Amino acid sequence: MSYRLTVEERPAYLHAKVVGERTAANVLRFLEESYAACVKSGRSALLLEIGLSGPSLNTISIYNVISQRLMDARKLHKIAYVPTGIADPAIPYFAETVALNRGVNVRLFQSVAAAEEWLSEEP
């Protein structure tokens, strides 16, 4: 399973980007490592840029991955989510809705620039 994570510290947030194969294990690993990097850097806002390739995860897998990461995700002030290469555009909206309905301040964006703008806004 290929996987590469890059993390950049920005003044107002942490930018985590992943490339590799789209699997539930890789998505879970990405979320775990991104959160850990946020904590380590002292940031409470996170930009998740997901560049995984391959078939979309099914809704059950998405629900399970989000459910496993809820406790940590709720501790963050803001999470921006930018997916790329998704065959079914409804899938990212489903993931956003699952997280929002469970108390995570997450928002889906179509571009990194839009996500960066939201993350840089004052509360």
PDB file of N, CA and C in Angstrom:
ATOM      1  N   MET A   1       0.836  -1.177   0.000  1.00  0.00           N
ATOM      2  CA  MET A   1       0.000   0.000   0.000  1.00  0.00           C
ATOM      3  C   MET A   1       0.886   1.247   0.000  1.00  0.00           C
ATOM      4  N   SER A   2       0.879   2.036  -1.055  1.00  0.00           N
ATOM      5  CA  SER A   2       1.702   3.233  -1.101  1.00  0.00           C
ATOM      6  C   SER A   2       1.063   4.342  -0.271  1.00  0.00           C
ATOM      7  N   TYR A   3       1.935   5.203   0.312  1.00  0.00           N
ATOM      8  CA  TYR A   3       1.457   6.252   1.200  1.00  0.00           C
ATOM      9  C   TYR A   3       2.589   7.244   1.417  1.00  0.00           C
ATOM     10  N   ARG A   4       2.281   8.541   1.216  1.00  0.00           N
ATOM     11  CA  ARG A   4       3.279   9.572   1.511  1.00  0.00           C
ATOM     12  C   ARG A   4       2.579  10.772   2.124  1.00  0.00           C
ATOM     13  N   LEU A   5       2.996  11.168   3.302  1.00  0.00           N
ATOM     14  CA  LEU A   5       2.437  12.299   4.030  1.00  0.00           C
ATOM     15  C   LEU A   5       3.456  13.425   4.059  1.00  0.00           C
ATOM     16  N   THR A   6       2.991  14.639   3.784  1.00  0.00           N
ATOM     17  CA  THR A   6       3.814  15.833   3.987  1.00  0.00           C
ATOM     18  C   THR A   6       3.037  16.778   4.891  1.00  0.00           C
ATOM     19  N   VAL A   7       3.750  17.441   5.766  1.00  0.00           N
ATOM     20  CA  VAL A   7       3.135  18.352   6.726  1.00  0.00           C
ATOM     21  C   VAL A   7       3.882  19.675   6.681  1.00  0.00           C
ATOM     22  N   GLU A   8       3.120  20.768   6.561  1.00  0.00           N
ATOM     23  CA  GLU A   8       3.694  22.114   6.579  1.00  0.00           C
ATOM     24  C   GLU A   8       3.019  22.916   7.679  1.00  0.00           C
ATOM     25  N   GLU A   9       3.831  23.546   8.521  1.00  0.00           N
ATOM     26  CA  GLU A   9       3.282  24.411   9.555  1.00  0.00           C
ATOM     27  C   GLU A   9       3.064  25.798   8.960  1.00  0.00           C
ATOM     28  N   ARG A  10       1.858  26.291   9.108  1.00  0.00           N
ATOM     29  CA  ARG A  10       1.501  27.644   8.693  1.00  0.00           C
ATOM     30  C   ARG A  10       1.187  28.440   9.955  1.00  0.00           C
ATOM     31  N   PRO A  11       1.175  29.765   9.881  1.00  0.00           N
ATOM     32  CA  PRO A  11       0.931  30.543  11.106  1.00  0.00           C
ATOM     33  C   PRO A  11      -0.376  30.191  11.818  1.00  0.00           C
ATOM     34  N   ALA A  12      -1.454  29.974  11.078  1.00  0.00           N
ATOM     35  CA  ALA A  12      -2.766  29.769  11.700  1.00  0.00           C
ATOM     36  C   ALA A  12      -3.225  28.311  11.709  1.00  0.00           C
ATOM     37  N   TYR A  13      -2.516  27.435  11.014  1.00  0.00           N
ATOM     38  CA  TYR A  13      -2.978  26.055  10.886  1.00  0.00           C
ATOM     39  C   TYR A  13      -1.843  25.152  10.420  1.00  0.00           C
ATOM     40  N   LEU A  14      -2.130  23.864  10.393  1.00  0.00           N
ATOM     41  CA  LEU A  14      -1.199  22.867   9.880  1.00  0.00           C
ATOM     42  C   LEU A  14      -1.767  22.331   8.566  1.00  0.00           C
ATOM     43  N   HIS A  15      -0.951  22.234   7.538  1.00  0.00           N
ATOM     44  CA  HIS A  15      -1.377  21.718   6.235  1.00  0.00           C
ATOM     45  C   HIS A  15      -0.792  20.317   6.064  1.00  0.00           C
ATOM     46  N   ALA A  16      -1.671  19.317   6.057  1.00  0.00           N
ATOM     47  CA  ALA A  16      -1.246  17.923   5.869  1.00  0.00           C
ATOM     48  C   ALA A  16      -1.745  17.445   4.511  1.00  0.00           C
ATOM     49  N   LYS A  17      -0.840  16.861   3.745  1.00  0.00           N
ATOM     50  CA  LYS A  17      -1.186  16.381   2.405  1.00  0.00           C
ATOM     51  C   LYS A  17      -0.746  14.929   2.285  1.00  0.00           C
ATOM     52  N   VAL A  18      -1.638  14.119   1.700  1.00  0.00           N
ATOM     53  CA  VAL A  18      -1.324  12.710   1.524  1.00  0.00           C
ATOM     54  C   VAL A  18      -1.511  12.321   0.063  1.00  0.00           C
ATOM     55  N   VAL A  19      -0.635  11.470  -0.408  1.00  0.00           N
ATOM     56  CA  VAL A  19      -0.785  10.831  -1.712  1.00  0.00           C
ATOM     57  C   VAL A  19      -0.529   9.345  -1.521  1.00  0.00           C
ATOM     58  N   GLY A  20      -1.132   8.562  -2.380  1.00  0.00           N
ATOM     59  CA  GLY A  20      -0.967   7.123  -2.303  1.00  0.00           C
ATOM     60  C   GLY A  20      -2.250   6.430  -2.705  1.00  0.00           C
ATOM     61  N   GLU A  21      -2.378   5.207  -2.260  1.00  0.00           N
ATOM     62  CA  GLU A  21      -3.532   4.383  -2.601  1.00  0.00           C
ATOM     63  C   GLU A  21      -4.696   4.683  -1.648  1.00  0.00           C
ATOM     64  N   ARG A  22      -5.898   4.820  -2.205  1.00  0.00           N
ATOM     65  CA  ARG A  22      -7.085   5.088  -1.388  1.00  0.00           C
ATOM     66  C   ARG A  22      -7.575   3.782  -0.760  1.00  0.00           C
ATOM     67  N   THR A  23      -7.271   3.633   0.522  1.00  0.00           N
ATOM     68  CA  THR A  23      -7.758   2.503   1.303  1.00  0.00           C
ATOM     69  C   THR A  23      -8.217   3.063   2.647  1.00  0.00           C
ATOM     70  N   ALA A  24      -9.062   2.338   3.345  1.00  0.00           N
ATOM     71  CA  ALA A  24      -9.503   2.766   4.667  1.00  0.00           C
ATOM     72  C   ALA A  24      -8.302   2.878   5.611  1.00  0.00           C
ATOM     73  N   ALA A  25      -7.365   1.957   5.511  1.00  0.00           N
ATOM     74  CA  ALA A  25      -6.179   1.987   6.370  1.00  0.00           C
ATOM     75  C   ALA A  25      -5.349   3.240   6.123  1.00  0.00           C
ATOM     76  N   ASN A  26      -5.179   3.633   4.862  1.00  0.00           N
ATOM     77  CA  ASN A  26      -4.412   4.837   4.550  1.00  0.00           C
ATOM     78  C   ASN A  26      -5.130   6.103   5.019  1.00  0.00           C
ATOM     79  N   VAL A  27      -6.435   6.153   4.864  1.00  0.00           N
ATOM     80  CA  VAL A  27      -7.188   7.324   5.323  1.00  0.00           C
ATOM     81  C   VAL A  27      -7.096   7.424   6.845  1.00  0.00           C
ATOM     82  N   LEU A  28      -7.263   6.332   7.526  1.00  0.00           N
ATOM     83  CA  LEU A  28      -7.170   6.326   8.982  1.00  0.00           C
ATOM     84  C   LEU A  28      -5.768   6.752   9.433  1.00  0.00           C
ATOM     85  N   ARG A  29      -4.757   6.215   8.808  1.00  0.00           N
ATOM     86  CA  ARG A  29      -3.369   6.575   9.136  1.00  0.00           C
ATOM     87  C   ARG A  29      -3.145   8.070   8.913  1.00  0.00           C
ATOM     88  N   PHE A  30      -3.648   8.594   7.796  1.00  0.00           N
ATOM     89  CA  PHE A  30      -3.508  10.014   7.481  1.00  0.00           C
ATOM     90  C   PHE A  30      -4.151  10.877   8.565  1.00  0.00           C
ATOM     91  N   LEU A  31      -5.347  10.534   8.976  1.00  0.00           N
ATOM     92  CA  LEU A  31      -6.038  11.305  10.005  1.00  0.00           C
ATOM     93  C   LEU A  31      -5.310  11.225  11.350  1.00  0.00           C
ATOM     94  N   GLU A  32      -4.825  10.052  11.701  1.00  0.00           N
ATOM     95  CA  GLU A  32      -4.084   9.885  12.956  1.00  0.00           C
ATOM     96  C   GLU A  32      -2.793  10.708  12.951  1.00  0.00           C
ATOM     97  N   GLU A  33      -2.020  10.582  11.876  1.00  0.00           N
ATOM     98  CA  GLU A  33      -0.731  11.274  11.805  1.00  0.00           C
ATOM     99  C   GLU A  33      -0.907  12.787  11.689  1.00  0.00           C
ATOM    100  N   SER A  34      -1.944  13.223  10.994  1.00  0.00           N
ATOM    101  CA  SER A  34      -2.213  14.663  10.861  1.00  0.00           C
ATOM    102  C   SER A  34      -2.585  15.264  12.212  1.00  0.00           C
ATOM    103  N   TYR A  35      -3.428  14.576  12.955  1.00  0.00           N
ATOM    104  CA  TYR A  35      -3.806  15.054  14.285  1.00  0.00           C
ATOM    105  C   TYR A  35      -2.580  15.108  15.202  1.00  0.00           C
ATOM    106  N   ALA A  36      -1.775  14.078  15.184  1.00  0.00           N
ATOM    107  CA  ALA A  36      -0.577  14.040  16.026  1.00  0.00           C
ATOM    108  C   ALA A  36       0.361  15.205  15.686  1.00  0.00           C
ATOM    109  N   ALA A  37       0.499  15.517  14.406  1.00  0.00           N
ATOM    110  CA  ALA A  37       1.338  16.639  13.986  1.00  0.00           C
ATOM    111  C   ALA A  37       0.751  17.968  14.466  1.00  0.00           C
ATOM    112  N   CYS A  38      -0.570  18.076  14.463  1.00  0.00           N
ATOM    113  CA  CYS A  38      -1.252  19.269  14.970  1.00  0.00           C
ATOM    114  C   CYS A  38      -0.932  19.463  16.445  1.00  0.00           C
ATOM    115  N   VAL A  39      -1.072  18.418  17.211  1.00  0.00           N
ATOM    116  CA  VAL A  39      -0.813  18.481  18.642  1.00  0.00           C
ATOM    117  C   VAL A  39       0.649  18.853  18.894  1.00  0.00           C
ATOM    118  N   LYS A  40       1.545  18.202  18.175  1.00  0.00           N
ATOM    119  CA  LYS A  40       2.977  18.447  18.347  1.00  0.00           C
ATOM    120  C   LYS A  40       3.347  19.901  18.034  1.00  0.00           C
ATOM    121  N   SER A  41       2.686  20.478  17.024  1.00  0.00           N
ATOM    122  CA  SER A  41       3.005  21.851  16.623  1.00  0.00           C
ATOM    123  C   SER A  41       2.228  22.895  17.419  1.00  0.00           C
ATOM    124  N   GLY A  42       1.280  22.451  18.232  1.00  0.00           N
ATOM    125  CA  GLY A  42       0.484  23.385  19.013  1.00  0.00           C
ATOM    126  C   GLY A  42      -0.600  24.085  18.218  1.00  0.00           C
ATOM    127  N   ARG A  43      -0.960  23.535  17.058  1.00  0.00           N
ATOM    128  CA  ARG A  43      -2.006  24.136  16.220  1.00  0.00           C
ATOM    129  C   ARG A  43      -3.350  23.468  16.509  1.00  0.00           C
ATOM    130  N   SER A  44      -4.426  24.256  16.382  1.00  0.00           N
ATOM    131  CA  SER A  44      -5.768  23.698  16.590  1.00  0.00           C
ATOM    132  C   SER A  44      -6.613  23.761  15.325  1.00  0.00           C
ATOM    133  N   ALA A  45      -5.976  24.118  14.209  1.00  0.00           N
ATOM    134  CA  ALA A  45      -6.656  24.142  12.914  1.00  0.00           C
ATOM    135  C   ALA A  45      -5.842  23.293  11.943  1.00  0.00           C
ATOM    136  N   LEU A  46      -6.558  22.580  11.076  1.00  0.00           N
ATOM    137  CA  LEU A  46      -5.909  21.585  10.214  1.00  0.00           C
ATOM    138  C   LEU A  46      -6.497  21.626   8.816  1.00  0.00           C
ATOM    139  N   LEU A  47      -5.619  21.656   7.815  1.00  0.00           N
ATOM    140  CA  LEU A  47      -6.022  21.519   6.414  1.00  0.00           C
ATOM    141  C   LEU A  47      -5.622  20.128   5.960  1.00  0.00           C
ATOM    142  N   LEU A  48      -6.632  19.334   5.596  1.00  0.00           N
ATOM    143  CA  LEU A  48      -6.404  17.980   5.093  1.00  0.00           C
ATOM    144  C   LEU A  48      -6.546  17.991   3.578  1.00  0.00           C
ATOM    145  N   GLU A  49      -5.454  17.803   2.868  1.00  0.00           N
ATOM    146  CA  GLU A  49      -5.475  17.729   1.406  1.00  0.00           C
ATOM    147  C   GLU A  49      -5.263  16.265   1.029  1.00  0.00           C
ATOM    148  N   ILE A  50      -6.337  15.666   0.541  1.00  0.00           N
ATOM    149  CA  ILE A  50      -6.331  14.225   0.310  1.00  0.00           C
ATOM    150  C   ILE A  50      -6.186  13.935  -1.178  1.00  0.00           C
ATOM    151  N   GLY A  51      -5.017  13.447  -1.551  1.00  0.00           N
ATOM    152  CA  GLY A  51      -4.727  13.129  -2.939  1.00  0.00           C
ATOM    153  C   GLY A  51      -4.546  11.643  -3.157  1.00  0.00           C
ATOM    154  N   LEU A  52      -5.384  10.858  -2.532  1.00  0.00           N
ATOM    155  CA  LEU A  52      -5.300   9.407  -2.692  1.00  0.00           C
ATOM    156  C   LEU A  52      -5.963   8.993  -4.000  1.00  0.00           C
ATOM    157  N   SER A  53      -5.486   7.916  -4.579  1.00  0.00           N
ATOM    158  CA  SER A  53      -6.032   7.461  -5.855  1.00  0.00           C
ATOM    159  C   SER A  53      -6.607   6.062  -5.716  1.00  0.00           C
ATOM    160  N   GLY A  54      -7.514   5.773  -6.631  1.00  0.00           N
ATOM    161  CA  GLY A  54      -8.179   4.477  -6.610  1.00  0.00           C
ATOM    162  C   GLY A  54      -9.655   4.665  -6.346  1.00  0.00           C
ATOM    163  N   PRO A  55     -10.383   3.562  -6.289  1.00  0.00           N
ATOM    164  CA  PRO A  55     -11.829   3.650  -6.087  1.00  0.00           C
ATOM    165  C   PRO A  55     -12.177   4.314  -4.762  1.00  0.00           C
ATOM    166  N   SER A  56     -13.299   5.026  -4.758  1.00  0.00           N
ATOM    167  CA  SER A  56     -13.787   5.658  -3.533  1.00  0.00           C
ATOM    168  C   SER A  56     -14.097   4.595  -2.488  1.00  0.00           C
ATOM    169  N   LEU A  57     -13.942   4.983  -1.232  1.00  0.00           N
ATOM    170  CA  LEU A  57     -14.359   4.094  -0.154  1.00  0.00           C
ATOM    171  C   LEU A  57     -15.876   4.057  -0.129  1.00  0.00           C
ATOM    172  N   ASN A  58     -16.441   2.959   0.328  1.00  0.00           N
ATOM    173  CA  ASN A  58     -17.896   2.911   0.446  1.00  0.00           C
ATOM    174  C   ASN A  58     -18.322   3.662   1.709  1.00  0.00           C
ATOM    175  N   THR A  59     -19.606   3.936   1.817  1.00  0.00           N
ATOM    176  CA  THR A  59     -20.099   4.749   2.926  1.00  0.00           C
ATOM    177  C   THR A  59     -19.863   4.099   4.290  1.00  0.00           C
ATOM    178  N   ILE A  60     -19.926   2.800   4.358  1.00  0.00           N
ATOM    179  CA  ILE A  60     -19.672   2.116   5.631  1.00  0.00           C
ATOM    180  C   ILE A  60     -18.224   2.321   6.073  1.00  0.00           C
ATOM    181  N   SER A  61     -17.297   2.196   5.143  1.00  0.00           N
ATOM    182  CA  SER A  61     -15.879   2.417   5.471  1.00  0.00           C
ATOM    183  C   SER A  61     -15.636   3.848   5.910  1.00  0.00           C
ATOM    184  N   ILE A  62     -16.251   4.800   5.216  1.00  0.00           N
ATOM    185  CA  ILE A  62     -16.097   6.213   5.578  1.00  0.00           C
ATOM    186  C   ILE A  62     -16.636   6.456   6.980  1.00  0.00           C
ATOM    187  N   TYR A  63     -17.819   5.950   7.237  1.00  0.00           N
ATOM    188  CA  TYR A  63     -18.435   6.106   8.563  1.00  0.00           C
ATOM    189  C   TYR A  63     -17.538   5.513   9.652  1.00  0.00           C
ATOM    190  N   ASN A  64     -16.999   4.328   9.418  1.00  0.00           N
ATOM    191  CA  ASN A  64     -16.144   3.670  10.404  1.00  0.00           C
ATOM    192  C   ASN A  64     -14.854   4.445  10.657  1.00  0.00           C
ATOM    193  N   VAL A  65     -14.219   4.953   9.610  1.00  0.00           N
ATOM    194  CA  VAL A  65     -12.978   5.721   9.768  1.00  0.00           C
ATOM    195  C   VAL A  65     -13.261   6.987  10.570  1.00  0.00           C
ATOM    196  N   ILE A  66     -14.305   7.708  10.201  1.00  0.00           N
ATOM    197  CA  ILE A  66     -14.634   8.943  10.924  1.00  0.00           C
ATOM    198  C   ILE A  66     -14.972   8.637  12.376  1.00  0.00           C
ATOM    199  N   SER A  67     -15.728   7.597  12.610  1.00  0.00           N
ATOM    200  CA  SER A  67     -16.096   7.228  13.974  1.00  0.00           C
ATOM    201  C   SER A  67     -14.864   6.949  14.836  1.00  0.00           C
ATOM    202  N   GLN A  68     -13.839   6.343  14.245  1.00  0.00           N
ATOM    203  CA  GLN A  68     -12.614   6.035  14.991  1.00  0.00           C
ATOM    204  C   GLN A  68     -11.814   7.281  15.347  1.00  0.00           C
ATOM    205  N   ARG A  69     -11.994   8.355  14.582  1.00  0.00           N
ATOM    206  CA  ARG A  69     -11.182   9.564  14.785  1.00  0.00           C
ATOM    207  C   ARG A  69     -11.944  10.714  15.437  1.00  0.00           C
ATOM    208  N   LEU A  70     -13.200  10.491  15.809  1.00  0.00           N
ATOM    209  CA  LEU A  70     -14.055  11.566  16.341  1.00  0.00           C
ATOM    210  C   LEU A  70     -13.497  12.249  17.582  1.00  0.00           C
ATOM    211  N   MET A  71     -13.039  11.500  18.540  1.00  0.00           N
ATOM    212  CA  MET A  71     -12.588  12.095  19.803  1.00  0.00           C
ATOM    213  C   MET A  71     -11.496  13.131  19.569  1.00  0.00           C
ATOM    214  N   ASP A  72     -10.530  12.814  18.735  1.00  0.00           N
ATOM    215  CA  ASP A  72      -9.457  13.769  18.454  1.00  0.00           C
ATOM    216  C   ASP A  72      -9.946  14.904  17.556  1.00  0.00           C
ATOM    217  N   ALA A  73     -10.758  14.594  16.565  1.00  0.00           N
ATOM    218  CA  ALA A  73     -11.242  15.623  15.638  1.00  0.00           C
ATOM    219  C   ALA A  73     -12.025  16.709  16.370  1.00  0.00           C
ATOM    220  N   ARG A  74     -12.792  16.325  17.365  1.00  0.00           N
ATOM    221  CA  ARG A  74     -13.575  17.295  18.142  1.00  0.00           C
ATOM    222  C   ARG A  74     -12.697  18.246  18.941  1.00  0.00           C
ATOM    223  N   LYS A  75     -11.471  17.880  19.196  1.00  0.00           N
ATOM    224  CA  LYS A  75     -10.548  18.729  19.962  1.00  0.00           C
ATOM    225  C   LYS A  75      -9.980  19.871  19.120  1.00  0.00           C
ATOM    226  N   LEU A  76     -10.089  19.754  17.800  1.00  0.00           N
ATOM    227  CA  LEU A  76      -9.549  20.785  16.918  1.00  0.00           C
ATOM    228  C   LEU A  76     -10.582  21.886  16.698  1.00  0.00           C
ATOM    229  N   HIS A  77     -10.092  23.113  16.562  1.00  0.00           N
ATOM    230  CA  HIS A  77     -10.962  24.268  16.371  1.00  0.00           C
ATOM    231  C   HIS A  77     -11.611  24.255  14.982  1.00  0.00           C
ATOM    232  N   LYS A  78     -10.812  23.957  13.948  1.00  0.00           N
ATOM    233  CA  LYS A  78     -11.292  23.935  12.565  1.00  0.00           C
ATOM    234  C   LYS A  78     -10.553  22.858  11.783  1.00  0.00           C
ATOM    235  N   ILE A  79     -11.293  22.190  10.911  1.00  0.00           N
ATOM    236  CA  ILE A  79     -10.689  21.239   9.981  1.00  0.00           C
ATOM    237  C   ILE A  79     -11.235  21.541   8.595  1.00  0.00           C
ATOM    238  N   ALA A  80     -10.345  21.839   7.661  1.00  0.00           N
ATOM    239  CA  ALA A  80     -10.717  22.036   6.259  1.00  0.00           C
ATOM    240  C   ALA A  80     -10.302  20.776   5.505  1.00  0.00           C
ATOM    241  N   TYR A  81     -11.138  20.375   4.577  1.00  0.00           N
ATOM    242  CA  TYR A  81     -10.984  19.090   3.894  1.00  0.00           C
ATOM    243  C   TYR A  81     -11.062  19.340   2.395  1.00  0.00           C
ATOM    244  N   VAL A  82      -9.977  19.016   1.661  1.00  0.00           N
ATOM    245  CA  VAL A  82      -9.922  19.206   0.211  1.00  0.00           C
ATOM    246  C   VAL A  82      -9.592  17.861  -0.440  1.00  0.00           C
ATOM    247  N   PRO A  83     -10.605  17.193  -1.008  1.00  0.00           N
ATOM    248  CA  PRO A  83     -10.349  15.917  -1.677  1.00  0.00           C
ATOM    249  C   PRO A  83     -10.020  16.143  -3.156  1.00  0.00           C
ATOM    250  N   THR A  84      -9.238  15.249  -3.721  1.00  0.00           N
ATOM    251  CA  THR A  84      -8.969  15.282  -5.156  1.00  0.00           C
ATOM    252  C   THR A  84      -9.134  13.874  -5.716  1.00  0.00           C
ATOM    253  N   GLY A  85      -9.448  13.808  -6.987  1.00  0.00           N
ATOM    254  CA  GLY A  85      -9.523  12.522  -7.670  1.00  0.00           C
ATOM    255  C   GLY A  85     -10.650  11.618  -7.223  1.00  0.00           C
ATOM    256  N   ILE A  86     -11.754  12.196  -6.789  1.00  0.00           N
ATOM    257  CA  ILE A  86     -12.901  11.401  -6.335  1.00  0.00           C
ATOM    258  C   ILE A  86     -13.843  11.178  -7.513  1.00  0.00           C
ATOM    259  N   ALA A  87     -14.149   9.930  -7.798  1.00  0.00           N
ATOM    260  CA  ALA A  87     -15.039   9.605  -8.916  1.00  0.00           C
ATOM    261  C   ALA A  87     -16.480  10.003  -8.623  1.00  0.00           C
ATOM    262  N   ASP A  88     -16.929   9.803  -7.408  1.00  0.00           N
ATOM    263  CA  ASP A  88     -18.302  10.125  -7.017  1.00  0.00           C
ATOM    264  C   ASP A  88     -18.277  11.377  -6.146  1.00  0.00           C
ATOM    265  N   PRO A  89     -18.730  12.522  -6.663  1.00  0.00           N
ATOM    266  CA  PRO A  89     -18.661  13.773  -5.903  1.00  0.00           C
ATOM    267  C   PRO A  89     -19.512  13.775  -4.630  1.00  0.00           C
ATOM    268  N   ALA A  90     -20.438  12.848  -4.501  1.00  0.00           N
ATOM    269  CA  ALA A  90     -21.271  12.791  -3.293  1.00  0.00           C
ATOM    270  C   ALA A  90     -20.495  12.238  -2.089  1.00  0.00           C
ATOM    271  N   ILE A  91     -19.450  11.484  -2.325  1.00  0.00           N
ATOM    272  CA  ILE A  91     -18.708  10.842  -1.243  1.00  0.00           C
ATOM    273  C   ILE A  91     -18.083  11.865  -0.282  1.00  0.00           C
ATOM    274  N   PRO A  92     -17.381  12.903  -0.755  1.00  0.00           N
ATOM    275  CA  PRO A  92     -16.829  13.879   0.196  1.00  0.00           C
ATOM    276  C   PRO A  92     -17.918  14.585   1.011  1.00  0.00           C
ATOM    277  N   TYR A  93     -19.055  14.850   0.400  1.00  0.00           N
ATOM    278  CA  TYR A  93     -20.155  15.483   1.136  1.00  0.00           C
ATOM    279  C   TYR A  93     -20.699  14.551   2.213  1.00  0.00           C
ATOM    280  N   PHE A  94     -20.739  13.274   1.916  1.00  0.00           N
ATOM    281  CA  PHE A  94     -21.169  12.294   2.912  1.00  0.00           C
ATOM    282  C   PHE A  94     -20.212  12.314   4.105  1.00  0.00           C
ATOM    283  N   ALA A  95     -18.918  12.303   3.834  1.00  0.00           N
ATOM    284  CA  ALA A  95     -17.918  12.320   4.910  1.00  0.00           C
ATOM    285  C   ALA A  95     -18.054  13.591   5.745  1.00  0.00           C
ATOM    286  N   GLU A  96     -18.236  14.721   5.091  1.00  0.00           N
ATOM    287  CA  GLU A  96     -18.409  15.988   5.810  1.00  0.00           C
ATOM    288  C   GLU A  96     -19.645  15.929   6.711  1.00  0.00           C
ATOM    289  N   THR A  97     -20.749  15.435   6.183  1.00  0.00           N
ATOM    290  CA  THR A  97     -21.995  15.351   6.947  1.00  0.00           C
ATOM    291  C   THR A  97     -21.860  14.433   8.156  1.00  0.00           C
ATOM    292  N   VAL A  98     -21.208  13.287   7.980  1.00  0.00           N
ATOM    293  CA  VAL A  98     -21.006  12.354   9.092  1.00  0.00           C
ATOM    294  C   VAL A  98     -20.237  13.064  10.215  1.00  0.00           C
ATOM    295  N   ALA A  99     -19.166  13.755   9.861  1.00  0.00           N
ATOM    296  CA  ALA A  99     -18.351  14.431  10.873  1.00  0.00           C
ATOM    297  C   ALA A  99     -19.109  15.598  11.515  1.00  0.00           C
ATOM    298  N   LEU A 100     -19.767  16.408  10.703  1.00  0.00           N
ATOM    299  CA  LEU A 100     -20.531  17.545  11.240  1.00  0.00           C
ATOM    300  C   LEU A 100     -21.604  17.077  12.220  1.00  0.00           C
ATOM    301  N   ASN A 101     -22.307  16.027  11.857  1.00  0.00           N
ATOM    302  CA  ASN A 101     -23.378  15.513  12.709  1.00  0.00           C
ATOM    303  C   ASN A 101     -22.871  14.930  14.024  1.00  0.00           C
ATOM    304  N   ARG A 102     -21.582  14.744  14.124  1.00  0.00           N
ATOM    305  CA  ARG A 102     -20.996  14.204  15.348  1.00  0.00           C
ATOM    306  C   ARG A 102     -20.153  15.243  16.077  1.00  0.00           C
ATOM    307  N   GLY A 103     -20.357  16.515  15.737  1.00  0.00           N
ATOM    308  CA  GLY A 103     -19.744  17.603  16.493  1.00  0.00           C
ATOM    309  C   GLY A 103     -18.376  18.056  16.054  1.00  0.00           C
ATOM    310  N   VAL A 104     -17.950  17.716  14.851  1.00  0.00           N
ATOM    311  CA  VAL A 104     -16.652  18.147  14.347  1.00  0.00           C
ATOM    312  C   VAL A 104     -16.855  19.410  13.511  1.00  0.00           C
ATOM    313  N   ASN A 105     -16.028  20.436  13.754  1.00  0.00           N
ATOM    314  CA  ASN A 105     -16.097  21.674  12.968  1.00  0.00           C
ATOM    315  C   ASN A 105     -15.254  21.478  11.697  1.00  0.00           C
ATOM    316  N   VAL A 106     -15.861  20.821  10.726  1.00  0.00           N
ATOM    317  CA  VAL A 106     -15.179  20.504   9.473  1.00  0.00           C
ATOM    318  C   VAL A 106     -15.944  21.131   8.322  1.00  0.00           C
ATOM    319  N   ARG A 107     -15.197  21.524   7.306  1.00  0.00           N
ATOM    320  CA  ARG A 107     -15.835  22.066   6.114  1.00  0.00           C
ATOM    321  C   ARG A 107     -15.101  21.552   4.876  1.00  0.00           C
ATOM    322  N   LEU A 108     -15.886  21.159   3.881  1.00  0.00           N
ATOM    323  CA  LEU A 108     -15.375  20.665   2.611  1.00  0.00           C
ATOM    324  C   LEU A 108     -15.121  21.837   1.677  1.00  0.00           C
ATOM    325  N   PHE A 109     -13.987  21.818   0.978  1.00  0.00           N
ATOM    326  CA  PHE A 109     -13.640  22.862   0.006  1.00  0.00           C
ATOM    327  C   PHE A 109     -13.205  22.217  -1.300  1.00  0.00           C
ATOM    328  N   GLN A 110     -13.427  22.929  -2.384  1.00  0.00           N
ATOM    329  CA  GLN A 110     -13.033  22.452  -3.704  1.00  0.00           C
ATOM    330  C   GLN A 110     -11.601  22.854  -4.061  1.00  0.00           C
ATOM    331  N   SER A 111     -11.019  23.794  -3.301  1.00  0.00           N
ATOM    332  CA  SER A 111      -9.649  24.222  -3.582  1.00  0.00           C
ATOM    333  C   SER A 111      -8.901  24.482  -2.286  1.00  0.00           C
ATOM    334  N   VAL A 112      -7.597  24.326  -2.354  1.00  0.00           N
ATOM    335  CA  VAL A 112      -6.742  24.597  -1.205  1.00  0.00           C
ATOM    336  C   VAL A 112      -6.812  26.075  -0.849  1.00  0.00           C
ATOM    337  N   ALA A 113      -6.850  26.954  -1.854  1.00  0.00           N
ATOM    338  CA  ALA A 113      -6.904  28.401  -1.595  1.00  0.00           C
ATOM    339  C   ALA A 113      -8.133  28.778  -0.776  1.00  0.00           C
ATOM    340  N   ALA A 114      -9.287  28.227  -1.111  1.00  0.00           N
ATOM    341  CA  ALA A 114     -10.510  28.520  -0.358  1.00  0.00           C
ATOM    342  C   ALA A 114     -10.407  27.991   1.068  1.00  0.00           C
ATOM    343  N   ALA A 115      -9.838  26.810   1.231  1.00  0.00           N
ATOM    344  CA  ALA A 115      -9.661  26.232   2.563  1.00  0.00           C
ATOM    345  C   ALA A 115      -8.710  27.079   3.390  1.00  0.00           C
ATOM    346  N   GLU A 116      -7.629  27.530   2.781  1.00  0.00           N
ATOM    347  CA  GLU A 116      -6.660  28.371   3.489  1.00  0.00           C
ATOM    348  C   GLU A 116      -7.295  29.679   3.957  1.00  0.00           C
ATOM    349  N   GLU A 117      -8.135  30.252   3.121  1.00  0.00           N
ATOM    350  CA  GLU A 117      -8.815  31.497   3.490  1.00  0.00           C
ATOM    351  C   GLU A 117      -9.695  31.280   4.728  1.00  0.00           C
ATOM    352  N   TRP A 118     -10.482  30.210   4.727  1.00  0.00           N
ATOM    353  CA  TRP A 118     -11.361  29.912   5.867  1.00  0.00           C
ATOM    354  C   TRP A 118     -10.546  29.668   7.142  1.00  0.00           C
ATOM    355  N   LEU A 119      -9.469  28.912   7.018  1.00  0.00           N
ATOM    356  CA  LEU A 119      -8.651  28.602   8.190  1.00  0.00           C
ATOM    357  C   LEU A 119      -7.952  29.832   8.760  1.00  0.00           C
ATOM    358  N   SER A 120      -7.676  30.816   7.918  1.00  0.00           N
ATOM    359  CA  SER A 120      -6.967  32.015   8.348  1.00  0.00           C
ATOM    360  C   SER A 120      -7.902  33.073   8.940  1.00  0.00           C
ATOM    361  N   GLU A 121      -9.208  32.893   8.780  1.00  0.00           N
ATOM    362  CA  GLU A 121     -10.180  33.840   9.341  1.00  0.00           C
ATOM    363  C   GLU A 121     -10.142  33.782  10.856  1.00  0.00           C
ATOM    364  N   GLU A 122     -10.345  34.928  11.473  1.00  0.00           N
ATOM    365  CA  GLU A 122     -10.469  34.983  12.926  1.00  0.00           C
ATOM    366  C   GLU A 122     -11.798  34.374  13.338  1.00  0.00           C
ATOM    367  N   PRO A 123     -11.877  33.759  14.505  1.00  0.00           N
ATOM    368  CA  PRO A 123     -13.143  33.131  14.947  1.00  0.00           C
ATOM    369  C   PRO A 123     -14.249  34.140  15.174  1.00  0.00           C
TER     370      PRO A 123
END
